Every structure is written in C-alpha cells, then in structure tokens.
Amino acid sequence: MDVCCEIIASRKMLSSLDKAVIHVFVYGTLKRGEVNHHVCSSHIVQSRPAIAQGCLYTLPFGYPAMTLEAGIVQGELLSFAHSDILDCLDAFERHDPEEFSRCAPSQRLEQHAYERSTIATYDTAQRFLSLAWAYLMTREQTLALGGILLPDGRWHQTHIVN
C-alpha cells in the first residue's frame, strides 16, 4: 500500500465529514505521464488540463517550482474526494535532504521549502475553473537554487538540469 493509501485509510472516521472536493494544480512530476503521477493517481476523481498565472522554473533536483509572477503555467487540475490527500502531498513536496545537499550545498534546506497556497485556475481558453491548492516558491528561492525559467510555462521530465 502506498503512503497516500495508508494516510487515507487511517482516517476513515473523517471521511464521512469530508464532503468538499479538493482541487490541486500540478505542473511537474505529479502530472499524467510523469515519474511521480503514481503518488496520487489512485485518489484522483477528475483530472483536466489547466493553466494558472505564474512562472515556472526547472530546478537541479529533477523537478520544477512555480512562482507567482506574471506569466502562464501549464499544468493539470486534479480533483480529490478527501482532504487527506493534502497531508500526503505536503509530505511528498518536501525536498529530499540528501539530494538538496548534493545539488545546492551552499543553501539551507529550511529556507527553500514549497508553500501550499490557493490560486485561481483556468481552462486552456482562460475560463475560470476553480480555486486550487498549489505548491509554490518565491522567485528569489528558485534563483538561489539555480532555477532556470521555462518561458513557455511547461515542464516535462526532459527539462532536468544537472
């Protein structure tokens, strides 16, 4: 059983109280076809292409970071039936300390954590879809980590920088 299944299974009592659909905007390894989609795929009740305002940077760790700057980020809006998925994703979105030390030896891990924030999402015709959770960094954080701007706002596994 994966970590997400264990977290969700351990909270059966809360499931009857959890009626709201949870939306999460993903733009990197959690998208369909990417290396970590399996982390949440069994819990997705709906997935659709989406965009959000921001900029996307590829980081030397093998995944991207989104910032709230002028621009468009291409991703997916994932919908989940239970808020427990947020605990799972919060744990997943932490940097691996060993990988972080290898790729950014002069940086402090705690200064470069993702922050889960609510953002507006839109369909590809720029019609409002919903508010959604997204994992964000600041521009300063991404640049300090050696992030490289992806002008088209799209990230794929092929954008890995080493």
N, C-alpha and C. Protein backbone atom coordinates (compact mmCIF):
# COMPACT_ATOMS: atom_id res chain seq x y z
N MET A 1 0.86 -1.18 0.00
CA MET A 1 0.00 0.00 0.00
C MET A 1 0.90 1.24 0.00
N ASP A 2 0.60 2.23 -0.87
CA ASP A 2 1.44 3.42 -0.91
C ASP A 2 1.13 4.35 0.27
N VAL A 3 2.00 5.32 0.47
CA VAL A 3 1.88 6.23 1.61
C VAL A 3 0.53 6.94 1.60
N CYS A 4 0.07 7.39 0.43
CA CYS A 4 -1.21 8.09 0.35
C CYS A 4 -2.36 7.18 0.79
N CYS A 5 -2.34 5.93 0.35
CA CYS A 5 -3.39 4.99 0.74
C CYS A 5 -3.39 4.78 2.24
N GLU A 6 -2.20 4.67 2.84
CA GLU A 6 -2.10 4.48 4.28
C GLU A 6 -2.67 5.67 5.04
N ILE A 7 -2.34 6.87 4.59
CA ILE A 7 -2.85 8.07 5.26
C ILE A 7 -4.36 8.13 5.16
N ILE A 8 -4.89 7.88 3.97
CA ILE A 8 -6.33 7.96 3.77
C ILE A 8 -7.05 6.86 4.53
N ALA A 9 -6.51 5.65 4.51
CA ALA A 9 -7.14 4.54 5.22
C ALA A 9 -7.15 4.77 6.73
N SER A 10 -6.12 5.44 7.24
CA SER A 10 -6.04 5.65 8.69
C SER A 10 -7.00 6.72 9.18
N ARG A 11 -7.69 7.37 8.28
CA ARG A 11 -8.61 8.46 8.68
C ARG A 11 -10.05 8.18 8.25
N LYS A 12 -10.46 6.96 8.38
CA LYS A 12 -11.81 6.58 7.94
C LYS A 12 -12.90 7.39 8.65
N MET A 13 -12.69 7.72 9.91
CA MET A 13 -13.71 8.47 10.64
C MET A 13 -13.94 9.84 10.04
N LEU A 14 -12.90 10.45 9.51
CA LEU A 14 -13.05 11.79 8.94
C LEU A 14 -13.72 11.78 7.58
N SER A 15 -13.68 10.65 6.89
CA SER A 15 -14.19 10.61 5.52
C SER A 15 -15.67 10.96 5.45
N SER A 16 -16.44 10.61 6.44
CA SER A 16 -17.87 10.92 6.40
C SER A 16 -18.11 12.42 6.57
N LEU A 17 -17.16 13.13 7.17
CA LEU A 17 -17.29 14.57 7.35
C LEU A 17 -16.73 15.35 6.18
N ASP A 18 -15.97 14.71 5.34
CA ASP A 18 -15.22 15.38 4.29
C ASP A 18 -16.01 15.35 2.99
N LYS A 19 -16.87 16.32 2.79
CA LYS A 19 -17.75 16.32 1.62
C LYS A 19 -17.23 17.18 0.48
N ALA A 20 -16.32 18.10 0.74
CA ALA A 20 -15.85 19.03 -0.28
C ALA A 20 -14.80 18.37 -1.17
N VAL A 21 -14.88 18.65 -2.46
CA VAL A 21 -13.87 18.19 -3.41
C VAL A 21 -12.62 19.07 -3.23
N ILE A 22 -11.47 18.46 -3.23
CA ILE A 22 -10.21 19.17 -3.08
C ILE A 22 -9.56 19.27 -4.45
N HIS A 23 -9.20 20.49 -4.85
CA HIS A 23 -8.55 20.71 -6.14
C HIS A 23 -7.08 21.07 -5.90
N VAL A 24 -6.21 20.46 -6.69
CA VAL A 24 -4.78 20.73 -6.61
C VAL A 24 -4.27 20.96 -8.03
N PHE A 25 -3.57 22.07 -8.22
CA PHE A 25 -2.95 22.38 -9.51
C PHE A 25 -1.54 21.81 -9.49
N VAL A 26 -1.24 20.90 -10.43
CA VAL A 26 0.09 20.30 -10.52
C VAL A 26 0.72 20.69 -11.85
N TYR A 27 2.03 20.85 -11.85
CA TYR A 27 2.74 21.37 -13.02
C TYR A 27 4.06 20.63 -13.28
N GLY A 28 4.32 19.58 -12.51
CA GLY A 28 5.61 18.88 -12.63
C GLY A 28 5.46 17.38 -12.63
N THR A 29 6.15 16.74 -11.70
CA THR A 29 6.24 15.27 -11.70
C THR A 29 4.94 14.58 -11.32
N LEU A 30 3.95 15.30 -10.83
CA LEU A 30 2.66 14.69 -10.48
C LEU A 30 1.68 14.67 -11.64
N LYS A 31 2.03 15.29 -12.77
CA LYS A 31 1.14 15.28 -13.94
C LYS A 31 1.07 13.87 -14.53
N ARG A 32 -0.01 13.63 -15.29
CA ARG A 32 -0.15 12.36 -16.02
C ARG A 32 1.08 12.15 -16.90
N GLY A 33 1.61 10.94 -16.89
CA GLY A 33 2.74 10.61 -17.74
C GLY A 33 4.10 10.96 -17.13
N GLU A 34 4.10 11.63 -16.01
CA GLU A 34 5.37 11.99 -15.36
C GLU A 34 5.70 10.98 -14.26
N VAL A 35 6.93 11.01 -13.81
CA VAL A 35 7.51 9.99 -12.95
C VAL A 35 6.78 9.79 -11.61
N ASN A 36 6.17 10.80 -11.05
CA ASN A 36 5.53 10.66 -9.74
C ASN A 36 4.01 10.72 -9.76
N HIS A 37 3.42 10.59 -10.92
CA HIS A 37 1.95 10.62 -11.00
C HIS A 37 1.33 9.53 -10.13
N HIS A 38 2.02 8.42 -9.97
CA HIS A 38 1.51 7.30 -9.17
C HIS A 38 1.27 7.67 -7.71
N VAL A 39 1.93 8.72 -7.22
CA VAL A 39 1.79 9.13 -5.82
C VAL A 39 0.34 9.45 -5.49
N CYS A 40 -0.38 10.01 -6.45
CA CYS A 40 -1.77 10.42 -6.17
C CYS A 40 -2.78 9.85 -7.15
N SER A 41 -2.35 9.14 -8.16
CA SER A 41 -3.25 8.74 -9.24
C SER A 41 -4.45 7.91 -8.79
N SER A 42 -4.28 7.06 -7.80
CA SER A 42 -5.41 6.22 -7.38
C SER A 42 -6.47 7.00 -6.59
N HIS A 43 -6.18 8.24 -6.24
CA HIS A 43 -7.11 9.05 -5.46
C HIS A 43 -7.77 10.16 -6.28
N ILE A 44 -7.39 10.28 -7.56
CA ILE A 44 -7.93 11.34 -8.41
C ILE A 44 -9.34 10.97 -8.86
N VAL A 45 -10.28 11.91 -8.68
CA VAL A 45 -11.64 11.68 -9.17
C VAL A 45 -11.88 12.40 -10.49
N GLN A 46 -11.05 13.42 -10.77
CA GLN A 46 -11.13 14.11 -12.05
C GLN A 46 -9.79 14.78 -12.32
N SER A 47 -9.40 14.81 -13.58
CA SER A 47 -8.16 15.47 -14.00
C SER A 47 -8.45 16.18 -15.31
N ARG A 48 -7.97 17.43 -15.40
CA ARG A 48 -8.16 18.15 -16.66
C ARG A 48 -7.01 19.13 -16.86
N PRO A 49 -6.70 19.42 -18.11
CA PRO A 49 -5.67 20.42 -18.40
C PRO A 49 -6.09 21.76 -17.79
N ALA A 50 -5.11 22.50 -17.28
CA ALA A 50 -5.41 23.79 -16.67
C ALA A 50 -4.19 24.70 -16.79
N ILE A 51 -4.45 25.99 -16.60
CA ILE A 51 -3.37 26.96 -16.55
C ILE A 51 -3.59 27.83 -15.31
N ALA A 52 -2.50 28.46 -14.89
CA ALA A 52 -2.55 29.37 -13.76
C ALA A 52 -1.56 30.49 -14.00
N GLN A 53 -1.80 31.62 -13.37
CA GLN A 53 -0.86 32.72 -13.52
C GLN A 53 0.38 32.43 -12.69
N GLY A 54 1.53 32.62 -13.31
CA GLY A 54 2.79 32.40 -12.63
C GLY A 54 3.90 32.11 -13.61
N CYS A 55 5.07 31.84 -13.08
CA CYS A 55 6.22 31.43 -13.89
C CYS A 55 6.70 30.08 -13.40
N LEU A 56 7.30 29.34 -14.30
CA LEU A 56 7.78 28.01 -13.99
C LEU A 56 9.29 27.95 -14.19
N TYR A 57 9.97 27.36 -13.23
CA TYR A 57 11.42 27.21 -13.26
C TYR A 57 11.76 25.74 -13.11
N THR A 58 12.73 25.25 -13.85
CA THR A 58 13.23 23.91 -13.62
C THR A 58 14.36 24.02 -12.62
N LEU A 59 14.36 23.11 -11.66
CA LEU A 59 15.37 23.10 -10.60
C LEU A 59 16.35 21.96 -10.84
N PRO A 60 17.55 22.04 -10.27
CA PRO A 60 18.55 20.99 -10.49
C PRO A 60 18.24 19.67 -9.80
N PHE A 61 17.11 19.58 -9.10
CA PHE A 61 16.74 18.36 -8.38
C PHE A 61 15.93 17.39 -9.24
N GLY A 62 15.56 17.83 -10.44
CA GLY A 62 14.75 16.96 -11.30
C GLY A 62 13.27 17.25 -11.23
N TYR A 63 12.91 18.41 -10.72
CA TYR A 63 11.51 18.83 -10.69
C TYR A 63 11.45 20.35 -10.74
N PRO A 64 10.26 20.91 -11.01
CA PRO A 64 10.14 22.36 -11.18
C PRO A 64 9.63 23.07 -9.92
N ALA A 65 9.61 24.39 -10.01
CA ALA A 65 8.99 25.23 -8.99
C ALA A 65 8.19 26.31 -9.70
N MET A 66 7.04 26.61 -9.15
CA MET A 66 6.17 27.66 -9.69
C MET A 66 6.26 28.87 -8.77
N THR A 67 6.28 30.05 -9.38
CA THR A 67 6.29 31.30 -8.63
C THR A 67 5.08 32.13 -9.05
N LEU A 68 4.71 33.06 -8.21
CA LEU A 68 3.58 33.95 -8.53
C LEU A 68 4.11 35.21 -9.18
N GLU A 69 4.47 35.08 -10.44
CA GLU A 69 4.94 36.19 -11.26
C GLU A 69 4.02 36.29 -12.47
N ALA A 70 4.21 37.34 -13.26
CA ALA A 70 3.42 37.48 -14.48
C ALA A 70 3.84 36.41 -15.47
N GLY A 71 2.91 35.66 -15.95
CA GLY A 71 3.16 34.59 -16.90
C GLY A 71 2.06 33.55 -16.78
N ILE A 72 2.20 32.48 -17.55
CA ILE A 72 1.22 31.39 -17.55
C ILE A 72 1.96 30.08 -17.33
N VAL A 73 1.44 29.29 -16.39
CA VAL A 73 1.98 27.95 -16.13
C VAL A 73 0.96 26.94 -16.63
N GLN A 74 1.45 25.99 -17.42
CA GLN A 74 0.62 24.92 -17.97
C GLN A 74 0.69 23.74 -17.00
N GLY A 75 -0.45 23.18 -16.67
CA GLY A 75 -0.46 22.03 -15.76
C GLY A 75 -1.76 21.28 -15.85
N GLU A 76 -2.10 20.66 -14.74
CA GLU A 76 -3.35 19.90 -14.65
C GLU A 76 -4.04 20.25 -13.35
N LEU A 77 -5.35 20.29 -13.40
CA LEU A 77 -6.16 20.46 -12.20
C LEU A 77 -6.63 19.08 -11.79
N LEU A 78 -6.14 18.62 -10.65
CA LEU A 78 -6.53 17.32 -10.13
C LEU A 78 -7.57 17.53 -9.03
N SER A 79 -8.60 16.71 -9.04
CA SER A 79 -9.65 16.79 -8.03
C SER A 79 -9.65 15.50 -7.23
N PHE A 80 -9.80 15.65 -5.91
CA PHE A 80 -9.77 14.53 -4.98
C PHE A 80 -11.01 14.58 -4.09
N ALA A 81 -11.47 13.43 -3.65
CA ALA A 81 -12.68 13.35 -2.83
C ALA A 81 -12.41 13.65 -1.36
N HIS A 82 -11.18 13.54 -0.92
CA HIS A 82 -10.88 13.68 0.51
C HIS A 82 -9.72 14.64 0.75
N SER A 83 -9.83 15.45 1.77
CA SER A 83 -8.78 16.40 2.11
C SER A 83 -7.52 15.72 2.63
N ASP A 84 -7.61 14.43 2.98
CA ASP A 84 -6.42 13.69 3.44
C ASP A 84 -5.30 13.72 2.40
N ILE A 85 -5.65 13.88 1.14
CA ILE A 85 -4.63 13.91 0.09
C ILE A 85 -3.65 15.05 0.32
N LEU A 86 -4.09 16.11 0.97
CA LEU A 86 -3.19 17.24 1.21
C LEU A 86 -2.05 16.87 2.15
N ASP A 87 -2.33 16.04 3.15
CA ASP A 87 -1.25 15.58 4.04
C ASP A 87 -0.23 14.76 3.26
N CYS A 88 -0.74 13.91 2.39
CA CYS A 88 0.13 13.08 1.55
C CYS A 88 0.99 13.96 0.65
N LEU A 89 0.36 14.93 -0.01
CA LEU A 89 1.10 15.80 -0.93
C LEU A 89 2.05 16.72 -0.18
N ASP A 90 1.66 17.19 1.01
CA ASP A 90 2.58 18.01 1.81
C ASP A 90 3.86 17.24 2.10
N ALA A 91 3.72 15.98 2.47
CA ALA A 91 4.90 15.15 2.75
C ALA A 91 5.71 14.91 1.48
N PHE A 92 5.02 14.65 0.37
CA PHE A 92 5.71 14.40 -0.89
C PHE A 92 6.48 15.62 -1.37
N GLU A 93 5.93 16.80 -1.18
CA GLU A 93 6.53 18.03 -1.71
C GLU A 93 7.72 18.55 -0.91
N ARG A 94 8.14 17.83 0.11
CA ARG A 94 9.35 18.23 0.83
C ARG A 94 10.57 17.79 0.03
N HIS A 95 11.62 18.62 0.05
CA HIS A 95 12.86 18.26 -0.62
C HIS A 95 13.51 17.09 0.10
N ASP A 96 14.13 16.21 -0.66
CA ASP A 96 14.95 15.14 -0.07
C ASP A 96 16.23 15.79 0.45
N PRO A 97 16.54 15.68 1.74
CA PRO A 97 17.70 16.37 2.30
C PRO A 97 19.03 16.01 1.63
N GLU A 98 19.23 14.73 1.29
CA GLU A 98 20.49 14.32 0.65
C GLU A 98 20.61 14.92 -0.75
N GLU A 99 19.54 14.85 -1.52
CA GLU A 99 19.54 15.41 -2.87
C GLU A 99 19.74 16.92 -2.81
N PHE A 100 19.08 17.55 -1.85
CA PHE A 100 19.20 19.00 -1.70
C PHE A 100 20.66 19.38 -1.40
N SER A 101 21.29 18.67 -0.48
CA SER A 101 22.69 18.96 -0.13
C SER A 101 23.62 18.76 -1.32
N ARG A 102 23.34 17.76 -2.13
CA ARG A 102 24.18 17.48 -3.29
C ARG A 102 24.03 18.56 -4.36
N CYS A 103 22.79 19.01 -4.60
CA CYS A 103 22.53 19.96 -5.68
C CYS A 103 22.67 21.43 -5.26
N ALA A 104 22.50 21.70 -3.99
CA ALA A 104 22.56 23.10 -3.51
C ALA A 104 23.34 23.16 -2.19
N PRO A 105 24.61 22.80 -2.22
CA PRO A 105 25.38 22.69 -0.96
C PRO A 105 25.50 23.99 -0.18
N SER A 106 25.39 25.13 -0.84
CA SER A 106 25.54 26.40 -0.13
C SER A 106 24.21 26.95 0.40
N GLN A 107 23.12 26.23 0.18
CA GLN A 107 21.79 26.71 0.59
C GLN A 107 21.29 25.95 1.81
N ARG A 108 20.41 26.58 2.57
CA ARG A 108 19.80 25.94 3.74
C ARG A 108 18.43 25.40 3.34
N LEU A 109 18.23 24.13 3.59
CA LEU A 109 17.00 23.44 3.20
C LEU A 109 15.75 24.15 3.69
N GLU A 110 15.72 24.56 4.93
CA GLU A 110 14.50 25.16 5.50
C GLU A 110 14.14 26.50 4.87
N GLN A 111 15.07 27.12 4.17
CA GLN A 111 14.78 28.39 3.50
C GLN A 111 14.21 28.21 2.10
N HIS A 112 14.08 26.97 1.66
CA HIS A 112 13.65 26.72 0.29
C HIS A 112 12.50 25.72 0.19
N ALA A 113 11.66 25.71 1.21
CA ALA A 113 10.51 24.81 1.19
C ALA A 113 9.41 25.37 0.30
N TYR A 114 8.66 24.46 -0.31
CA TYR A 114 7.46 24.87 -1.03
C TYR A 114 6.42 25.35 -0.02
N GLU A 115 5.59 26.27 -0.44
CA GLU A 115 4.47 26.72 0.38
C GLU A 115 3.19 26.37 -0.36
N ARG A 116 2.28 25.69 0.34
CA ARG A 116 0.99 25.36 -0.28
C ARG A 116 0.10 26.57 -0.15
N SER A 117 -0.37 27.07 -1.30
CA SER A 117 -1.22 28.27 -1.35
C SER A 117 -2.39 28.03 -2.28
N THR A 118 -3.41 28.82 -2.12
CA THR A 118 -4.57 28.75 -3.00
C THR A 118 -4.37 29.71 -4.17
N ILE A 119 -4.62 29.20 -5.37
CA ILE A 119 -4.51 30.01 -6.58
C ILE A 119 -5.75 29.80 -7.45
N ALA A 120 -5.96 30.70 -8.39
CA ALA A 120 -7.05 30.55 -9.36
C ALA A 120 -6.53 29.72 -10.53
N THR A 121 -7.38 28.83 -11.03
CA THR A 121 -7.02 28.03 -12.20
C THR A 121 -8.04 28.28 -13.30
N TYR A 122 -7.57 28.06 -14.53
CA TYR A 122 -8.37 28.34 -15.72
C TYR A 122 -8.22 27.20 -16.71
N ASP A 123 -9.22 27.05 -17.58
CA ASP A 123 -9.06 26.08 -18.65
C ASP A 123 -8.15 26.71 -19.72
N THR A 124 -7.85 25.96 -20.75
CA THR A 124 -6.90 26.45 -21.75
C THR A 124 -7.46 27.61 -22.58
N ALA A 125 -8.79 27.86 -22.49
CA ALA A 125 -9.40 29.02 -23.14
C ALA A 125 -9.47 30.21 -22.16
N GLN A 126 -8.83 30.06 -21.02
CA GLN A 126 -8.73 31.08 -19.97
C GLN A 126 -10.05 31.38 -19.28
N ARG A 127 -10.94 30.37 -19.22
CA ARG A 127 -12.17 30.48 -18.45
C ARG A 127 -11.90 29.93 -17.05
N PHE A 128 -12.37 30.63 -16.03
CA PHE A 128 -12.14 30.22 -14.65
C PHE A 128 -12.66 28.80 -14.40
N LEU A 129 -11.82 27.98 -13.76
CA LEU A 129 -12.24 26.63 -13.37
C LEU A 129 -12.58 26.60 -11.89
N SER A 130 -11.58 26.89 -11.06
CA SER A 130 -11.80 26.88 -9.61
C SER A 130 -10.56 27.39 -8.90
N LEU A 131 -10.72 27.61 -7.61
CA LEU A 131 -9.56 27.84 -6.78
C LEU A 131 -8.95 26.47 -6.50
N ALA A 132 -7.65 26.42 -6.37
CA ALA A 132 -6.97 25.15 -6.15
C ALA A 132 -5.74 25.37 -5.30
N TRP A 133 -5.32 24.32 -4.62
CA TRP A 133 -4.05 24.35 -3.91
C TRP A 133 -2.93 24.18 -4.92
N ALA A 134 -1.81 24.84 -4.66
CA ALA A 134 -0.61 24.67 -5.49
C ALA A 134 0.60 24.82 -4.57
N TYR A 135 1.68 24.18 -4.94
CA TYR A 135 2.92 24.25 -4.18
C TYR A 135 3.83 25.26 -4.87
N LEU A 136 4.16 26.33 -4.14
CA LEU A 136 4.85 27.48 -4.72
C LEU A 136 6.16 27.79 -4.00
N MET A 137 7.01 28.50 -4.72
CA MET A 137 8.21 29.10 -4.15
C MET A 137 8.24 30.55 -4.59
N THR A 138 9.14 31.32 -4.02
CA THR A 138 9.33 32.69 -4.50
C THR A 138 10.37 32.67 -5.60
N ARG A 139 10.38 33.72 -6.38
CA ARG A 139 11.39 33.86 -7.44
C ARG A 139 12.80 33.82 -6.84
N GLU A 140 12.97 34.48 -5.70
CA GLU A 140 14.29 34.51 -5.04
C GLU A 140 14.73 33.11 -4.64
N GLN A 141 13.81 32.31 -4.13
CA GLN A 141 14.15 30.93 -3.78
C GLN A 141 14.60 30.14 -5.00
N THR A 142 13.83 30.23 -6.08
CA THR A 142 14.17 29.45 -7.27
C THR A 142 15.52 29.87 -7.85
N LEU A 143 15.80 31.17 -7.88
CA LEU A 143 17.07 31.63 -8.42
C LEU A 143 18.24 31.22 -7.53
N ALA A 144 18.06 31.27 -6.21
CA ALA A 144 19.12 30.85 -5.29
C ALA A 144 19.44 29.36 -5.46
N LEU A 145 18.46 28.60 -5.90
CA LEU A 145 18.66 27.16 -6.11
C LEU A 145 19.15 26.83 -7.52
N GLY A 146 19.38 27.84 -8.32
CA GLY A 146 19.85 27.60 -9.69
C GLY A 146 18.72 27.32 -10.66
N GLY A 147 17.52 27.75 -10.32
CA GLY A 147 16.38 27.53 -11.20
C GLY A 147 16.53 28.25 -12.53
N ILE A 148 16.04 27.62 -13.58
CA ILE A 148 16.07 28.19 -14.93
C ILE A 148 14.64 28.39 -15.40
N LEU A 149 14.31 29.61 -15.79
CA LEU A 149 12.96 29.95 -16.24
C LEU A 149 12.60 29.14 -17.48
N LEU A 150 11.39 28.61 -17.48
CA LEU A 150 10.82 27.93 -18.64
C LEU A 150 9.81 28.90 -19.26
N PRO A 151 10.22 29.66 -20.28
CA PRO A 151 9.37 30.73 -20.82
C PRO A 151 7.99 30.27 -21.29
N ASP A 152 7.87 29.02 -21.74
CA ASP A 152 6.56 28.56 -22.22
C ASP A 152 5.68 28.04 -21.09
N GLY A 153 6.19 28.03 -19.85
CA GLY A 153 5.39 27.62 -18.71
C GLY A 153 5.06 26.15 -18.65
N ARG A 154 5.81 25.33 -19.38
CA ARG A 154 5.59 23.88 -19.42
C ARG A 154 6.83 23.16 -18.91
N TRP A 155 6.62 22.14 -18.10
CA TRP A 155 7.73 21.33 -17.61
C TRP A 155 7.46 19.87 -17.97
N HIS A 156 8.51 19.21 -18.43
CA HIS A 156 8.49 17.77 -18.68
C HIS A 156 9.78 17.20 -18.12
N GLN A 157 9.81 15.93 -17.87
CA GLN A 157 10.98 15.27 -17.30
C GLN A 157 12.25 15.60 -18.10
N THR A 158 12.11 15.94 -19.36
CA THR A 158 13.28 16.24 -20.18
C THR A 158 13.92 17.58 -19.81
N HIS A 159 13.28 18.38 -18.94
CA HIS A 159 13.84 19.66 -18.54
C HIS A 159 14.80 19.55 -17.36
N ILE A 160 15.18 18.35 -16.98
CA ILE A 160 16.07 18.17 -15.83
C ILE A 160 17.42 18.83 -16.12
N VAL A 161 17.89 19.58 -15.13
CA VAL A 161 19.17 20.29 -15.23
C VAL A 161 20.14 19.67 -14.23
N ASN A 162 21.33 19.33 -14.66
CA ASN A 162 22.37 18.82 -13.74
C ASN A 162 23.67 19.52 -14.01
